Amino acid sequence: MKSYKITFIIAFTGICALLYSQGTVNYGYDAAGNRVSRTITIPSSPTKPAPAPETQEEEPPPVIYTEMLSDIVLKIYPNPTDGVLNVEIHNLPEGQTADILLYSLSGELIKSYRGIGEYAIVDISAQPQGTYLMKIRAADYKTEWKIIKK
């Protein structure tokens, strides 16, 4: 009986590891360096069979990155982007707005969006491929994101 329990535990652990090994964990931090959120991203269909060679592969759904600043929740997707980036800001205090500033890695301000409410579309399709720094100020909170343009 004891060997059946051990076999079951080993098999169950292996199945769980197989199902969830492709997930990622992202952490959000406030300005003081305290962790304020954790987002676990698990593929929508981890056991999906591979497509047949003669069919075209579907593009995977975009990964949505989430950061929680106190009560304010930011969602930024898709990153990497082809040029259009969606920014959602939830639970912004009433009467407050957010600012989005996009910089090159050399520190040059490329675009700025002021007075943003709950949703913004950041279009960097005219910019060359590379890495950019996006700073978001929402109420009294500030955060920085690395944006990759394919």
C-alpha atoms as a PDB file:
ATOM      1  CA  MET A   1       0.000   0.000   0.000  1.00  0.00           C
ATOM      2  CA  LYS A   2       2.863   2.347   0.836  1.00  0.00           C
ATOM      3  CA  SER A   3       4.429   1.930  -2.619  1.00  0.00           C
ATOM      4  CA  TYR A   4       1.103   2.843  -4.288  1.00  0.00           C
ATOM      5  CA  LYS A   5       0.972   6.116  -2.345  1.00  0.00           C
ATOM      6  CA  ILE A   6       4.539   7.004  -3.266  1.00  0.00           C
ATOM      7  CA  THR A   7       3.929   6.129  -6.931  1.00  0.00           C
ATOM      8  CA  PHE A   8       0.764   8.243  -6.966  1.00  0.00           C
ATOM      9  CA  ILE A   9       2.537  11.235  -5.364  1.00  0.00           C
ATOM     10  CA  ILE A  10       5.431  11.030  -7.850  1.00  0.00           C
ATOM     11  CA  ALA A  11       3.063  10.723 -10.839  1.00  0.00           C
ATOM     12  CA  PHE A  12       0.841  13.587  -9.625  1.00  0.00           C
ATOM     13  CA  THR A  13       3.855  15.844  -9.035  1.00  0.00           C
ATOM     14  CA  GLY A  14       5.203  15.070 -12.510  1.00  0.00           C
ATOM     15  CA  ILE A  15       1.869  15.838 -14.173  1.00  0.00           C
ATOM     16  CA  CYS A  16       1.536  19.150 -12.299  1.00  0.00           C
ATOM     17  CA  ALA A  17       5.092  20.131 -13.226  1.00  0.00           C
ATOM     18  CA  LEU A  18       4.435  19.286 -16.873  1.00  0.00           C
ATOM     19  CA  LEU A  19       1.199  21.308 -16.997  1.00  0.00           C
ATOM     20  CA  TYR A  20       2.520  24.426 -15.304  1.00  0.00           C
ATOM     21  CA  SER A  21       6.184  24.497 -16.266  1.00  0.00           C
ATOM     22  CA  GLN A  22       5.603  26.929 -19.143  1.00  0.00           C
ATOM     23  CA  GLY A  23       4.109  29.671 -16.939  1.00  0.00           C
ATOM     24  CA  THR A  24       5.913  32.846 -15.967  1.00  0.00           C
ATOM     25  CA  VAL A  25       5.757  34.940 -12.825  1.00  0.00           C
ATOM     26  CA  ASN A  26       6.016  38.737 -12.972  1.00  0.00           C
ATOM     27  CA  TYR A  27       6.401  40.947  -9.930  1.00  0.00           C
ATOM     28  CA  GLY A  28       5.484  44.610  -9.513  1.00  0.00           C
ATOM     29  CA  TYR A  29       7.301  46.951  -7.157  1.00  0.00           C
ATOM     30  CA  ASP A  30       6.518  50.384  -5.776  1.00  0.00           C
ATOM     31  CA  ALA A  31       8.955  53.309  -5.783  1.00  0.00           C
ATOM     32  CA  ALA A  32      10.461  52.184  -2.461  1.00  0.00           C
ATOM     33  CA  GLY A  33      11.230  48.725  -3.837  1.00  0.00           C
ATOM     34  CA  ASN A  34       8.444  46.885  -2.027  1.00  0.00           C
ATOM     35  CA  ARG A  35       6.728  44.109  -3.980  1.00  0.00           C
ATOM     36  CA  VAL A  36       3.089  45.132  -4.438  1.00  0.00           C
ATOM     37  CA  SER A  37       1.821  42.627  -7.007  1.00  0.00           C
ATOM     38  CA  ARG A  38       2.470  39.253  -8.566  1.00  0.00           C
ATOM     39  CA  THR A  39       1.077  38.113 -11.922  1.00  0.00           C
ATOM     40  CA  ILE A  40       1.322  34.492 -13.002  1.00  0.00           C
ATOM     41  CA  THR A  41       0.936  33.943 -16.744  1.00  0.00           C
ATOM     42  CA  ILE A  42       0.060  30.399 -17.773  1.00  0.00           C
ATOM     43  CA  PRO A  43      -0.458  29.462 -21.435  1.00  0.00           C
ATOM     44  CA  SER A  44      -4.142  29.145 -22.254  1.00  0.00           C
ATOM     45  CA  SER A  45      -3.759  25.610 -23.587  1.00  0.00           C
ATOM     46  CA  PRO A  46      -0.629  23.880 -22.248  1.00  0.00           C
ATOM     47  CA  THR A  47      -1.650  20.440 -23.550  1.00  0.00           C
ATOM     48  CA  LYS A  48      -2.622  21.636 -27.039  1.00  0.00           C
ATOM     49  CA  PRO A  49      -1.180  19.288 -29.690  1.00  0.00           C
ATOM     50  CA  ALA A  50       1.272  20.673 -32.218  1.00  0.00           C
ATOM     51  CA  PRO A  51      -0.294  21.685 -35.554  1.00  0.00           C
ATOM     52  CA  ALA A  52       0.145  19.435 -38.567  1.00  0.00           C
ATOM     53  CA  PRO A  53       3.093  20.457 -40.795  1.00  0.00           C
ATOM     54  CA  GLU A  54       0.840  21.412 -43.721  1.00  0.00           C
ATOM     55  CA  THR A  55      -1.190  23.924 -41.674  1.00  0.00           C
ATOM     56  CA  GLN A  56      -0.069  27.422 -40.742  1.00  0.00           C
ATOM     57  CA  GLU A  57       0.781  28.046 -37.126  1.00  0.00           C
ATOM     58  CA  GLU A  58      -1.509  30.451 -35.326  1.00  0.00           C
ATOM     59  CA  GLU A  59       0.133  33.354 -33.552  1.00  0.00           C
ATOM     60  CA  PRO A  60      -0.009  32.892 -29.772  1.00  0.00           C
ATOM     61  CA  PRO A  61      -2.223  35.282 -27.822  1.00  0.00           C
ATOM     62  CA  PRO A  62      -0.402  38.351 -26.501  1.00  0.00           C
ATOM     63  CA  VAL A  63       0.977  38.226 -23.002  1.00  0.00           C
ATOM     64  CA  ILE A  64      -0.560  40.895 -20.813  1.00  0.00           C
ATOM     65  CA  TYR A  65       1.750  42.381 -18.218  1.00  0.00           C
ATOM     66  CA  THR A  66       0.065  43.670 -15.092  1.00  0.00           C
ATOM     67  CA  GLU A  67       1.394  45.876 -12.327  1.00  0.00           C
ATOM     68  CA  MET A  68      -0.506  46.960  -9.257  1.00  0.00           C
ATOM     69  CA  LEU A  69       0.395  50.312  -7.697  1.00  0.00           C
ATOM     70  CA  SER A  70      -1.526  50.389  -4.436  1.00  0.00           C
ATOM     71  CA  ASP A  71      -5.110  50.289  -5.777  1.00  0.00           C
ATOM     72  CA  ILE A  72      -4.174  51.312  -9.332  1.00  0.00           C
ATOM     73  CA  VAL A  73      -3.798  48.426 -11.793  1.00  0.00           C
ATOM     74  CA  LEU A  74      -1.811  48.853 -15.027  1.00  0.00           C
ATOM     75  CA  LYS A  75      -2.047  46.452 -17.975  1.00  0.00           C
ATOM     76  CA  ILE A  76       0.312  46.815 -20.915  1.00  0.00           C
ATOM     77  CA  TYR A  77       0.121  44.625 -24.014  1.00  0.00           C
ATOM     78  CA  PRO A  78       1.417  43.351 -26.387  1.00  0.00           C
ATOM     79  CA  ASN A  79       5.075  43.601 -25.504  1.00  0.00           C
ATOM     80  CA  PRO A  80       7.064  43.015 -27.712  1.00  0.00           C
ATOM     81  CA  THR A  81       4.934  45.029 -30.099  1.00  0.00           C
ATOM     82  CA  ASP A  82       4.754  45.598 -33.840  1.00  0.00           C
ATOM     83  CA  GLY A  83       3.969  49.254 -33.192  1.00  0.00           C
ATOM     84  CA  VAL A  84       0.658  49.645 -31.328  1.00  0.00           C
ATOM     85  CA  LEU A  85       0.712  49.209 -27.560  1.00  0.00           C
ATOM     86  CA  ASN A  86      -2.407  49.126 -25.356  1.00  0.00           C
ATOM     87  CA  VAL A  87      -2.232  50.637 -21.878  1.00  0.00           C
ATOM     88  CA  GLU A  88      -5.099  50.126 -19.416  1.00  0.00           C
ATOM     89  CA  ILE A  89      -5.214  51.985 -16.101  1.00  0.00           C
ATOM     90  CA  HIS A  90      -7.836  50.717 -13.653  1.00  0.00           C
ATOM     91  CA  ASN A  91      -8.910  52.133 -10.260  1.00  0.00           C
ATOM     92  CA  LEU A  92      -7.475  55.568 -10.907  1.00  0.00           C
ATOM     93  CA  PRO A  93      -8.741  57.913  -8.145  1.00  0.00           C
ATOM     94  CA  GLU A  94     -11.645  60.087  -9.252  1.00  0.00           C
ATOM     95  CA  GLY A  95     -10.499  63.335 -10.818  1.00  0.00           C
ATOM     96  CA  GLN A  96      -6.967  61.972 -11.366  1.00  0.00           C
ATOM     97  CA  THR A  97      -5.324  61.311 -14.729  1.00  0.00           C
ATOM     98  CA  ALA A  98      -2.151  59.597 -15.837  1.00  0.00           C
ATOM     99  CA  ASP A  99       0.762  60.636 -18.023  1.00  0.00           C
ATOM    100  CA  ILE A 100       2.670  58.330 -20.369  1.00  0.00           C
ATOM    101  CA  LEU A 101       6.143  59.337 -21.529  1.00  0.00           C
ATOM    102  CA  LEU A 102       8.071  57.265 -24.071  1.00  0.00           C
ATOM    103  CA  TYR A 103      11.859  57.632 -24.248  1.00  0.00           C
ATOM    104  CA  SER A 104      14.607  56.154 -26.386  1.00  0.00           C
ATOM    105  CA  LEU A 105      17.392  54.415 -24.473  1.00  0.00           C
ATOM    106  CA  SER A 106      19.543  57.494 -25.060  1.00  0.00           C
ATOM    107  CA  GLY A 107      17.039  59.533 -23.003  1.00  0.00           C
ATOM    108  CA  GLU A 108      15.333  61.392 -25.866  1.00  0.00           C
ATOM    109  CA  LEU A 109      11.606  61.986 -25.330  1.00  0.00           C
ATOM    110  CA  ILE A 110       9.809  60.393 -28.276  1.00  0.00           C
ATOM    111  CA  LYS A 111       6.123  60.712 -27.359  1.00  0.00           C
ATOM    112  CA  SER A 112       4.099  61.995 -24.450  1.00  0.00           C
ATOM    113  CA  TYR A 113       0.464  61.407 -23.621  1.00  0.00           C
ATOM    114  CA  ARG A 114      -0.982  63.632 -20.889  1.00  0.00           C
ATOM    115  CA  GLY A 115      -4.328  63.447 -19.099  1.00  0.00           C
ATOM    116  CA  ILE A 116      -4.959  59.759 -19.817  1.00  0.00           C
ATOM    117  CA  GLY A 117      -8.061  58.186 -18.297  1.00  0.00           C
ATOM    118  CA  GLU A 118      -8.559  54.431 -18.223  1.00  0.00           C
ATOM    119  CA  TYR A 119      -7.282  53.483 -21.670  1.00  0.00           C
ATOM    120  CA  ALA A 120      -4.606  54.666 -24.095  1.00  0.00           C
ATOM    121  CA  ILE A 121      -3.132  53.467 -27.354  1.00  0.00           C
ATOM    122  CA  VAL A 122       0.574  54.220 -27.725  1.00  0.00           C
ATOM    123  CA  ASP A 123       1.571  54.120 -31.392  1.00  0.00           C
ATOM    124  CA  ILE A 124       5.289  53.653 -32.036  1.00  0.00           C
ATOM    125  CA  SER A 125       4.929  52.150 -35.502  1.00  0.00           C
ATOM    126  CA  ALA A 126       6.916  55.065 -37.016  1.00  0.00           C
ATOM    127  CA  GLN A 127       9.859  54.338 -34.698  1.00  0.00           C
ATOM    128  CA  PRO A 128      12.680  51.927 -35.641  1.00  0.00           C
ATOM    129  CA  GLN A 129      12.972  48.499 -34.071  1.00  0.00           C
ATOM    130  CA  GLY A 130      14.571  48.495 -30.675  1.00  0.00           C
ATOM    131  CA  THR A 131      14.023  48.964 -26.968  1.00  0.00           C
ATOM    132  CA  TYR A 132      12.275  51.974 -25.466  1.00  0.00           C
ATOM    133  CA  LEU A 133      11.554  53.138 -21.929  1.00  0.00           C
ATOM    134  CA  MET A 134       7.959  54.011 -21.043  1.00  0.00           C
ATOM    135  CA  LYS A 135       7.349  55.975 -17.848  1.00  0.00           C
ATOM    136  CA  ILE A 136       3.836  56.140 -16.436  1.00  0.00           C
ATOM    137  CA  ARG A 137       2.719  58.566 -13.746  1.00  0.00           C
ATOM    138  CA  ALA A 138      -0.678  57.691 -12.292  1.00  0.00           C
ATOM    139  CA  ALA A 139      -1.892  59.778  -9.353  1.00  0.00           C
ATOM    140  CA  ASP A 140       1.065  59.789  -6.911  1.00  0.00           C
ATOM    141  CA  TYR A 141       2.685  56.655  -8.363  1.00  0.00           C
ATOM    142  CA  LYS A 142       5.417  56.262 -10.971  1.00  0.00           C
ATOM    143  CA  THR A 143       6.524  53.179 -12.842  1.00  0.00           C
ATOM    144  CA  GLU A 144       8.853  52.374 -15.718  1.00  0.00           C
ATOM    145  CA  TRP A 145       8.483  49.721 -18.405  1.00  0.00           C
ATOM    146  CA  LYS A 146      10.891  48.421 -21.004  1.00  0.00           C
ATOM    147  CA  ILE A 147       9.072  48.265 -24.366  1.00  0.00           C
ATOM    148  CA  ILE A 148      10.444  46.223 -27.261  1.00  0.00           C
ATOM    149  CA  LYS A 149       9.456  47.072 -30.837  1.00  0.00           C
ATOM    150  CA  LYS A 150       9.879  44.201 -33.293  1.00  0.00           C
END
